[in-house]
Each structure stands twice: as C-alpha cells, then as structure tokens.
N, C-alpha and C. Protein backbone atom coordinates (compact mmCIF):
# COMPACT_ATOMS: atom_id res chain seq x y z
N MET A 1 -68.01 -41.60 19.97
CA MET A 1 -69.39 -41.44 20.27
C MET A 1 -69.57 -39.95 19.81
N LYS A 2 -70.76 -39.82 19.02
CA LYS A 2 -71.18 -38.58 18.59
C LYS A 2 -72.00 -37.80 19.65
N PHE A 3 -71.79 -36.52 19.70
CA PHE A 3 -72.53 -35.61 20.71
C PHE A 3 -73.60 -35.01 19.80
N ASN A 4 -74.92 -35.40 20.11
CA ASN A 4 -76.01 -34.74 19.33
C ASN A 4 -77.07 -34.32 20.38
N TRP A 5 -78.11 -33.78 19.92
CA TRP A 5 -79.30 -33.23 20.66
C TRP A 5 -79.82 -34.25 21.81
N GLY A 6 -79.94 -35.47 21.55
CA GLY A 6 -80.46 -36.49 22.29
C GLY A 6 -79.33 -36.60 23.51
N THR A 7 -78.24 -36.68 23.32
CA THR A 7 -77.13 -36.80 24.28
C THR A 7 -77.18 -35.55 25.16
N GLY A 8 -77.25 -34.40 24.59
CA GLY A 8 -77.10 -33.16 25.27
C GLY A 8 -78.40 -33.14 26.26
N ILE A 9 -79.54 -33.53 25.90
CA ILE A 9 -80.81 -33.45 26.72
C ILE A 9 -80.64 -34.40 27.82
N VAL A 10 -80.11 -35.63 27.57
CA VAL A 10 -80.01 -36.59 28.70
C VAL A 10 -78.97 -36.04 29.58
N LEU A 11 -77.85 -35.47 29.15
CA LEU A 11 -76.80 -34.94 30.10
C LEU A 11 -77.49 -33.71 30.91
N ALA A 12 -78.20 -32.83 30.29
CA ALA A 12 -78.85 -31.71 30.92
C ALA A 12 -79.76 -32.22 32.13
N PHE A 13 -80.54 -33.35 31.75
CA PHE A 13 -81.38 -33.88 32.90
C PHE A 13 -80.55 -34.49 33.88
N VAL A 14 -79.52 -35.24 33.57
CA VAL A 14 -78.65 -35.84 34.67
C VAL A 14 -78.06 -34.70 35.50
N ALA A 15 -77.55 -33.67 34.77
CA ALA A 15 -76.93 -32.51 35.66
C ALA A 15 -77.95 -31.93 36.53
N PHE A 16 -79.19 -31.64 36.15
CA PHE A 16 -80.28 -31.11 36.90
C PHE A 16 -80.69 -31.85 37.97
N ILE A 17 -80.83 -33.22 37.76
CA ILE A 17 -81.15 -34.20 38.88
C ILE A 17 -80.07 -34.25 39.85
N SER A 18 -78.88 -34.21 39.42
CA SER A 18 -77.65 -34.16 40.49
C SER A 18 -77.68 -32.88 41.18
N PHE A 19 -77.98 -31.75 40.61
CA PHE A 19 -77.92 -30.55 41.35
C PHE A 19 -79.09 -30.60 42.44
N ILE A 20 -80.23 -30.99 42.13
CA ILE A 20 -81.36 -31.01 43.01
C ILE A 20 -81.08 -31.97 44.16
N MET A 21 -80.46 -33.26 43.83
CA MET A 21 -80.15 -34.21 44.90
C MET A 21 -79.11 -33.72 45.76
N TYR A 22 -78.16 -32.90 45.29
CA TYR A 22 -77.13 -32.30 46.18
C TYR A 22 -77.77 -31.43 47.23
N PHE A 23 -78.70 -30.55 46.90
CA PHE A 23 -79.30 -29.68 47.69
C PHE A 23 -80.21 -30.35 48.67
N VAL A 24 -81.02 -31.25 48.25
CA VAL A 24 -81.83 -32.08 49.17
C VAL A 24 -81.07 -32.95 50.21
N ILE A 25 -79.90 -33.53 49.88
CA ILE A 25 -79.07 -34.18 50.77
C ILE A 25 -78.47 -33.15 51.63
N ASN A 26 -78.07 -32.12 51.26
CA ASN A 26 -77.32 -31.02 51.98
C ASN A 26 -78.28 -30.48 53.00
N MET A 27 -79.42 -30.18 52.55
CA MET A 27 -80.43 -29.63 53.56
C MET A 27 -80.93 -30.67 54.63
N SER A 28 -81.09 -31.95 54.26
CA SER A 28 -81.57 -32.73 55.10
C SER A 28 -80.37 -33.25 56.19
N THR A 29 -79.16 -33.12 55.86
CA THR A 29 -78.13 -33.52 56.80
C THR A 29 -77.40 -32.58 57.62
N ASP A 30 -77.46 -31.26 57.10
CA ASP A 30 -76.82 -30.12 57.75
C ASP A 30 -77.68 -29.75 59.06
N LYS A 31 -77.02 -29.65 60.23
CA LYS A 31 -77.73 -29.28 61.44
C LYS A 31 -78.08 -27.80 61.37
N LYS A 32 -77.49 -27.04 60.61
CA LYS A 32 -77.83 -25.57 60.45
C LYS A 32 -79.16 -25.42 59.95
N TYR A 33 -79.72 -26.32 59.22
CA TYR A 33 -81.07 -26.19 58.64
C TYR A 33 -82.16 -27.09 59.36
N ASP A 34 -81.84 -27.48 60.61
CA ASP A 34 -82.62 -28.30 61.43
C ASP A 34 -83.85 -27.49 61.92
N HIS A 35 -85.13 -27.96 61.64
CA HIS A 35 -86.19 -27.28 62.02
C HIS A 35 -86.96 -28.16 62.86
N ASP A 36 -87.44 -27.67 64.20
CA ASP A 36 -88.20 -28.50 65.17
C ASP A 36 -89.64 -28.14 64.94
N LEU A 37 -90.50 -28.87 65.50
CA LEU A 37 -91.87 -28.55 65.74
C LEU A 37 -91.89 -27.42 66.76
N VAL A 38 -93.01 -26.78 66.55
CA VAL A 38 -93.30 -25.74 67.60
C VAL A 38 -93.26 -26.25 69.00
N THR A 39 -93.92 -27.39 69.35
CA THR A 39 -93.88 -27.93 70.53
C THR A 39 -93.52 -29.43 70.44
N GLU A 40 -92.99 -30.08 71.30
CA GLU A 40 -92.73 -31.47 71.31
C GLU A 40 -94.09 -32.28 71.62
N GLN A 41 -94.96 -31.73 72.42
CA GLN A 41 -96.30 -32.41 72.71
C GLN A 41 -97.51 -31.98 71.81
N TYR A 42 -97.29 -31.97 70.46
CA TYR A 42 -98.10 -31.25 69.57
C TYR A 42 -99.54 -31.96 69.72
N TYR A 43 -99.65 -33.23 69.59
CA TYR A 43 -100.87 -33.89 69.57
C TYR A 43 -101.64 -33.84 70.98
N SER A 44 -100.93 -33.88 72.08
CA SER A 44 -101.61 -33.74 73.34
C SER A 44 -102.12 -32.37 73.51
N LYS A 45 -101.32 -31.35 72.96
CA LYS A 45 -101.88 -29.94 73.06
C LYS A 45 -103.15 -29.66 72.19
N GLU A 46 -103.18 -30.32 71.00
CA GLU A 46 -104.24 -30.25 70.18
C GLU A 46 -105.65 -30.83 70.78
N LEU A 47 -105.48 -31.88 71.74
CA LEU A 47 -106.65 -32.38 72.28
C LEU A 47 -107.22 -31.41 73.44
N LYS A 48 -106.36 -30.56 73.92
CA LYS A 48 -106.76 -29.57 74.84
C LYS A 48 -107.31 -28.33 74.31
N PHE A 49 -107.37 -28.31 73.02
CA PHE A 49 -107.75 -27.13 72.39
C PHE A 49 -108.99 -26.43 72.81
N GLN A 50 -110.07 -27.24 73.02
CA GLN A 50 -111.52 -26.91 73.44
C GLN A 50 -111.42 -26.15 74.96
N GLU A 51 -110.52 -26.93 75.73
CA GLU A 51 -110.32 -26.20 76.97
C GLU A 51 -109.82 -24.74 76.98
N ASP A 52 -108.81 -24.67 76.08
CA ASP A 52 -108.19 -23.29 75.78
C ASP A 52 -109.23 -22.25 75.31
N ILE A 53 -110.14 -22.72 74.37
CA ILE A 53 -111.16 -21.94 73.93
C ILE A 53 -112.12 -21.31 74.97
N ASP A 54 -112.48 -22.29 76.06
CA ASP A 54 -113.24 -21.86 77.16
C ASP A 54 -112.66 -20.96 77.99
N LYS A 55 -111.31 -21.22 78.24
CA LYS A 55 -110.51 -20.23 79.04
C LYS A 55 -110.36 -18.85 78.50
N LYS A 56 -110.21 -18.84 77.12
CA LYS A 56 -110.28 -17.48 76.54
C LYS A 56 -111.55 -16.80 76.66
N LYS A 57 -112.62 -17.63 76.53
CA LYS A 57 -113.98 -16.87 76.67
C LYS A 57 -114.20 -16.40 78.03
N ASN A 58 -113.57 -17.06 79.00
CA ASN A 58 -113.67 -16.56 80.45
C ASN A 58 -112.85 -15.28 80.52
N SER A 59 -111.78 -15.32 79.86
CA SER A 59 -110.92 -13.99 79.91
C SER A 59 -111.58 -12.81 79.16
N ARG A 60 -112.42 -13.04 78.17
CA ARG A 60 -113.06 -11.94 77.51
C ARG A 60 -114.17 -11.36 78.31
N LEU A 61 -114.68 -12.23 79.34
CA LEU A 61 -115.84 -11.87 80.21
C LEU A 61 -115.24 -10.85 81.34
N LEU A 62 -113.95 -10.87 81.48
CA LEU A 62 -113.41 -10.10 82.77
C LEU A 62 -113.63 -8.42 82.38
N LYS A 63 -113.79 -7.71 83.44
CA LYS A 63 -113.75 -6.24 83.20
C LYS A 63 -112.55 -5.70 82.66
N THR A 64 -111.50 -6.03 83.38
CA THR A 64 -110.14 -5.73 82.81
C THR A 64 -109.29 -6.96 82.63
N ASP A 65 -108.61 -7.07 81.60
CA ASP A 65 -107.69 -8.26 81.40
C ASP A 65 -106.33 -8.03 81.91
N ILE A 66 -105.65 -9.06 81.79
CA ILE A 66 -104.09 -8.93 82.19
C ILE A 66 -103.52 -7.98 81.10
N PHE A 67 -102.47 -6.99 81.63
CA PHE A 67 -101.81 -6.35 80.58
C PHE A 67 -100.20 -6.50 80.96
N TRP A 68 -99.41 -6.28 80.12
CA TRP A 68 -97.87 -6.34 80.47
C TRP A 68 -97.26 -5.01 79.97
N LYS A 69 -96.09 -4.75 80.65
CA LYS A 69 -95.37 -3.53 80.24
C LYS A 69 -93.83 -3.83 80.54
N LYS A 70 -93.03 -3.36 79.56
CA LYS A 70 -91.61 -3.53 79.65
C LYS A 70 -91.04 -2.38 80.64
N THR A 71 -90.22 -2.81 81.67
CA THR A 71 -89.80 -1.94 82.61
C THR A 71 -88.43 -2.16 82.60
N GLN A 72 -87.51 -1.22 83.42
CA GLN A 72 -86.17 -1.37 83.51
C GLN A 72 -85.67 -2.65 84.16
N LYS A 73 -86.46 -3.16 84.98
CA LYS A 73 -86.14 -4.48 85.83
C LYS A 73 -86.64 -5.69 85.03
N GLY A 74 -87.47 -5.59 84.00
CA GLY A 74 -87.98 -6.62 83.27
C GLY A 74 -89.30 -6.53 82.71
N LEU A 75 -90.11 -7.57 82.54
CA LEU A 75 -91.45 -7.72 82.05
C LEU A 75 -92.34 -7.68 83.12
N ALA A 76 -93.08 -6.67 83.33
CA ALA A 76 -94.12 -6.55 84.37
C ALA A 76 -95.52 -7.09 83.89
N ILE A 77 -96.08 -8.12 84.51
CA ILE A 77 -97.43 -8.59 84.02
C ILE A 77 -98.30 -8.24 85.17
N THR A 78 -99.44 -7.50 84.90
CA THR A 78 -100.40 -7.10 85.87
C THR A 78 -101.68 -7.64 85.71
N PHE A 79 -102.13 -8.27 86.89
CA PHE A 79 -103.34 -9.01 86.82
C PHE A 79 -104.46 -8.06 87.30
N PRO A 80 -105.77 -8.43 86.92
CA PRO A 80 -106.91 -7.47 87.29
C PRO A 80 -106.88 -7.16 88.69
N LYS A 81 -107.17 -5.74 88.89
CA LYS A 81 -107.08 -5.26 90.34
C LYS A 81 -108.48 -5.66 91.10
N GLN A 82 -109.53 -5.95 90.41
CA GLN A 82 -110.69 -6.38 91.22
C GLN A 82 -110.54 -7.72 91.86
N MET A 83 -109.38 -8.48 91.54
CA MET A 83 -109.35 -9.80 92.11
C MET A 83 -108.32 -9.80 93.30
N GLU A 84 -108.46 -10.66 94.15
CA GLU A 84 -107.42 -10.75 95.21
C GLU A 84 -106.18 -11.52 94.72
N TYR A 85 -105.16 -10.81 94.70
CA TYR A 85 -103.87 -11.40 94.11
C TYR A 85 -103.51 -12.68 94.75
N ASN A 86 -103.82 -13.05 95.99
CA ASN A 86 -103.19 -14.17 96.62
C ASN A 86 -104.09 -15.42 96.33
N LYS A 87 -105.26 -15.13 95.63
CA LYS A 87 -106.07 -16.41 95.11
C LYS A 87 -105.72 -16.60 93.65
N ILE A 88 -104.85 -16.04 93.09
CA ILE A 88 -104.48 -16.13 91.61
C ILE A 88 -103.43 -17.27 91.54
N LYS A 89 -103.65 -18.32 90.78
CA LYS A 89 -102.75 -19.43 90.57
C LYS A 89 -102.62 -19.67 89.14
N GLY A 90 -101.38 -20.27 88.78
CA GLY A 90 -101.18 -20.71 87.35
C GLY A 90 -99.73 -20.67 86.97
N LYS A 91 -99.58 -20.61 85.70
CA LYS A 91 -98.26 -20.72 85.22
C LYS A 91 -98.18 -19.49 84.00
N VAL A 92 -96.99 -18.95 83.86
CA VAL A 92 -96.53 -18.14 82.88
C VAL A 92 -95.53 -18.81 81.91
N PHE A 93 -95.72 -18.80 80.63
CA PHE A 93 -94.88 -19.58 79.66
C PHE A 93 -94.51 -18.42 78.62
N LEU A 94 -93.19 -18.11 78.60
CA LEU A 94 -92.73 -17.40 77.46
C LEU A 94 -91.95 -18.11 76.50
N TYR A 95 -92.52 -18.12 75.16
CA TYR A 95 -91.94 -18.91 74.09
C TYR A 95 -91.26 -18.06 73.10
N ARG A 96 -90.09 -18.51 72.78
CA ARG A 96 -89.16 -17.74 71.85
C ARG A 96 -89.17 -18.56 70.59
N PRO A 97 -89.87 -18.11 69.55
CA PRO A 97 -90.04 -18.96 68.28
C PRO A 97 -88.66 -19.07 67.66
N SER A 98 -87.80 -18.23 67.83
CA SER A 98 -86.49 -18.48 66.98
C SER A 98 -85.38 -19.37 67.78
N ASN A 99 -85.58 -19.58 69.14
CA ASN A 99 -84.65 -20.35 69.93
C ASN A 99 -85.39 -20.87 71.05
N LYS A 100 -85.47 -22.33 71.17
CA LYS A 100 -86.25 -22.88 72.15
C LYS A 100 -85.42 -22.96 73.43
N GLN A 101 -84.13 -22.75 73.43
CA GLN A 101 -83.33 -22.61 74.70
C GLN A 101 -83.71 -21.38 75.48
N LEU A 102 -84.26 -20.47 74.80
CA LEU A 102 -84.63 -19.21 75.69
C LEU A 102 -85.99 -19.28 76.27
N ASP A 103 -86.80 -20.40 75.95
CA ASP A 103 -88.10 -20.48 76.61
C ASP A 103 -88.09 -20.38 78.10
N TYR A 104 -89.09 -19.82 78.64
CA TYR A 104 -89.08 -19.55 80.16
C TYR A 104 -90.47 -19.91 80.68
N GLU A 105 -90.46 -20.58 81.72
CA GLU A 105 -91.74 -20.88 82.34
C GLU A 105 -91.71 -20.75 83.80
N THR A 106 -92.76 -20.24 84.49
CA THR A 106 -92.63 -20.02 85.96
C THR A 106 -94.00 -20.11 86.48
N GLU A 107 -94.14 -20.43 87.72
CA GLU A 107 -95.38 -20.53 88.59
C GLU A 107 -95.72 -18.98 88.94
N ILE A 108 -97.03 -18.89 89.02
CA ILE A 108 -97.41 -17.53 89.39
C ILE A 108 -97.43 -17.45 90.88
N SER A 109 -96.66 -16.53 91.47
CA SER A 109 -96.54 -16.43 92.90
C SER A 109 -96.51 -14.91 93.16
N LEU A 110 -97.68 -14.28 93.62
CA LEU A 110 -97.83 -12.82 93.71
C LEU A 110 -97.74 -12.43 95.13
N SER A 111 -97.09 -11.18 95.24
CA SER A 111 -97.15 -10.51 96.70
C SER A 111 -97.87 -9.10 96.31
N SER A 112 -98.34 -8.88 95.02
CA SER A 112 -99.15 -7.83 94.63
C SER A 112 -99.80 -8.27 93.41
N HIS A 113 -100.40 -7.21 92.73
CA HIS A 113 -101.10 -7.58 91.56
C HIS A 113 -100.19 -7.84 90.27
N THR A 114 -98.82 -7.50 90.54
CA THR A 114 -97.95 -7.49 89.36
C THR A 114 -96.85 -8.55 89.55
N LEU A 115 -96.69 -9.26 88.53
CA LEU A 115 -95.59 -10.32 88.56
C LEU A 115 -94.40 -9.82 87.53
N LEU A 116 -93.21 -9.77 88.02
CA LEU A 116 -92.06 -9.31 87.33
C LEU A 116 -91.20 -10.47 86.93
N ILE A 117 -90.89 -10.56 85.64
CA ILE A 117 -89.97 -11.54 85.08
C ILE A 117 -88.69 -10.75 84.74
N PRO A 118 -87.57 -11.15 85.41
CA PRO A 118 -86.35 -10.45 85.30
C PRO A 118 -85.86 -10.23 83.97
N ASP A 119 -85.21 -9.08 83.70
CA ASP A 119 -84.83 -8.67 82.45
C ASP A 119 -83.67 -9.57 81.99
N GLU A 120 -82.90 -10.36 82.83
CA GLU A 120 -81.85 -11.16 82.55
C GLU A 120 -82.26 -12.46 81.79
N ARG A 121 -83.63 -12.81 82.01
CA ARG A 121 -84.17 -13.99 81.40
C ARG A 121 -84.62 -13.80 80.02
N LEU A 122 -84.80 -12.48 79.55
CA LEU A 122 -85.32 -12.15 78.34
C LEU A 122 -84.33 -11.36 77.39
N VAL A 123 -84.34 -11.70 76.16
CA VAL A 123 -83.69 -11.03 75.17
C VAL A 123 -84.60 -10.22 74.29
N GLY A 124 -84.10 -9.14 73.64
CA GLY A 124 -84.90 -8.48 72.72
C GLY A 124 -85.42 -9.22 71.62
N GLY A 125 -86.66 -8.97 71.13
CA GLY A 125 -87.23 -9.62 70.03
C GLY A 125 -88.70 -10.01 70.20
N ARG A 126 -89.04 -11.04 69.40
CA ARG A 126 -90.32 -11.49 69.41
C ARG A 126 -90.54 -12.62 70.51
N TRP A 127 -91.66 -12.61 71.27
CA TRP A 127 -92.02 -13.56 72.15
C TRP A 127 -93.47 -13.89 72.16
N ASN A 128 -93.95 -15.14 72.40
CA ASN A 128 -95.24 -15.48 72.56
C ASN A 128 -95.41 -15.68 74.08
N ILE A 129 -96.31 -15.00 74.72
CA ILE A 129 -96.69 -15.09 76.04
C ILE A 129 -97.98 -15.96 76.32
N TYR A 130 -97.97 -16.85 77.07
CA TYR A 130 -99.16 -17.76 77.51
C TYR A 130 -99.13 -17.68 79.05
N ILE A 131 -100.34 -17.20 79.52
CA ILE A 131 -100.57 -17.15 80.87
C ILE A 131 -101.68 -18.01 81.08
N ASP A 132 -101.61 -19.17 81.73
CA ASP A 132 -102.71 -20.06 82.05
C ASP A 132 -102.85 -20.10 83.60
N TRP A 133 -103.96 -19.36 84.04
CA TRP A 133 -104.19 -19.02 85.34
C TRP A 133 -105.74 -19.37 85.76
N GLU A 134 -105.91 -19.38 87.08
CA GLU A 134 -107.24 -19.46 87.59
C GLU A 134 -107.40 -18.65 88.86
N TYR A 135 -108.63 -18.24 88.94
CA TYR A 135 -109.03 -17.55 90.22
C TYR A 135 -110.37 -18.01 90.62
N GLU A 136 -110.45 -18.46 91.99
CA GLU A 136 -111.58 -19.01 92.59
C GLU A 136 -112.16 -20.12 91.61
N ASN A 137 -111.35 -20.94 91.03
CA ASN A 137 -111.72 -22.20 90.33
C ASN A 137 -112.29 -21.90 89.02
N THR A 138 -112.04 -20.65 88.32
CA THR A 138 -112.38 -20.29 87.14
C THR A 138 -111.17 -20.23 86.30
N PRO A 139 -110.96 -21.02 85.28
CA PRO A 139 -109.75 -21.03 84.57
C PRO A 139 -109.84 -19.87 83.48
N TYR A 140 -108.60 -19.17 83.25
CA TYR A 140 -108.44 -18.24 82.26
C TYR A 140 -107.16 -18.46 81.50
N LEU A 141 -107.09 -17.87 80.25
CA LEU A 141 -105.94 -17.98 79.40
C LEU A 141 -105.68 -16.78 78.71
N TYR A 142 -104.54 -16.20 78.79
CA TYR A 142 -104.10 -15.05 78.22
C TYR A 142 -102.91 -15.31 77.27
N ASN A 143 -103.02 -15.03 76.08
CA ASN A 143 -101.83 -15.35 75.08
C ASN A 143 -101.69 -14.09 74.15
N LYS A 144 -100.57 -13.79 73.78
CA LYS A 144 -100.29 -12.68 72.97
C LYS A 144 -98.90 -12.75 72.44
N LYS A 145 -98.62 -12.21 71.25
CA LYS A 145 -97.30 -12.06 70.53
C LYS A 145 -96.90 -10.66 71.06
N ILE A 146 -95.71 -10.67 71.62
CA ILE A 146 -95.10 -9.40 71.97
C ILE A 146 -93.81 -9.22 71.43
N GLU A 147 -93.39 -7.90 71.48
CA GLU A 147 -92.03 -7.47 71.02
C GLU A 147 -91.39 -6.98 72.38
N TYR A 148 -90.27 -7.66 72.90
CA TYR A 148 -89.58 -7.17 74.06
C TYR A 148 -88.45 -6.30 73.73
C-alpha cells in the first residue's frame, strides 16, 4: 500500500478524533472532574425567586441592615439594633462554592443582637452567606459573597 496525501489526511483525522475522544471519556469518567449543580433543589428554588425579591426589597427598607464581622471567636452577624432580638426568627446558611461538605446551616437563636458562628465551622476563603429571617411576620433576606 502506498502512503499518499489522501492516506495522510485520513490518518490525521483518525488521530485527532481519537485524541478528542480520549479526553471526553477521561473527563466524563474521572471523579476528580465531577461538577455538581450549585444546589440539588434547583427548580424548586427557582419557583421561590419572586418571594426572595420581595424579602430583599423589605431588607432595603430597613434603617440599618444586617452586617457581619470576622472576630477571633468566629463570624459575628449583627442584626438591626432597633428590633427586639427575641422576636427575630429564621435561618443562616453559609455556602462554600468550592466544597459542599463545608456548607453550614443553623437556626437563628439570639441572646443579644449578635449571632456568632464558631471559627471551627469555617475555613478561610470565599463563602456565600444567606440569612432568611423574619421580624414581626415581615420576611427579610440578606445575602452576600464574603471572604473569611
């Protein structure tokens, strides 16, 4: 068999397709490249989107919003001082984009205007913080991307 231009082009195509198929199969079967959705309940969260918009609007109407601060003991989340802290209810959810095993959720239970999340629960880096709370039957939502 003679090796000519036509044979060379066919062999180049076969080599290129084999190269691409190797990487496609390698990427789809290797657990190291496994990428999950941001959340498991993506569609149910999408249906609640308008509620979240209303809660954020309520938060913008507050005189002072929630603020957070990194302390030696952990993450201190301070609620507005003009509100009675014992009437504040809700949940705090800390989402770690790089590792879902580090995600942390807790109920809001206050003995002052500040909620402390212990330093042992958090590692340095980027976090998304979601605070879904209510005061006197008015819902609020605070979310922010933070560096801890």
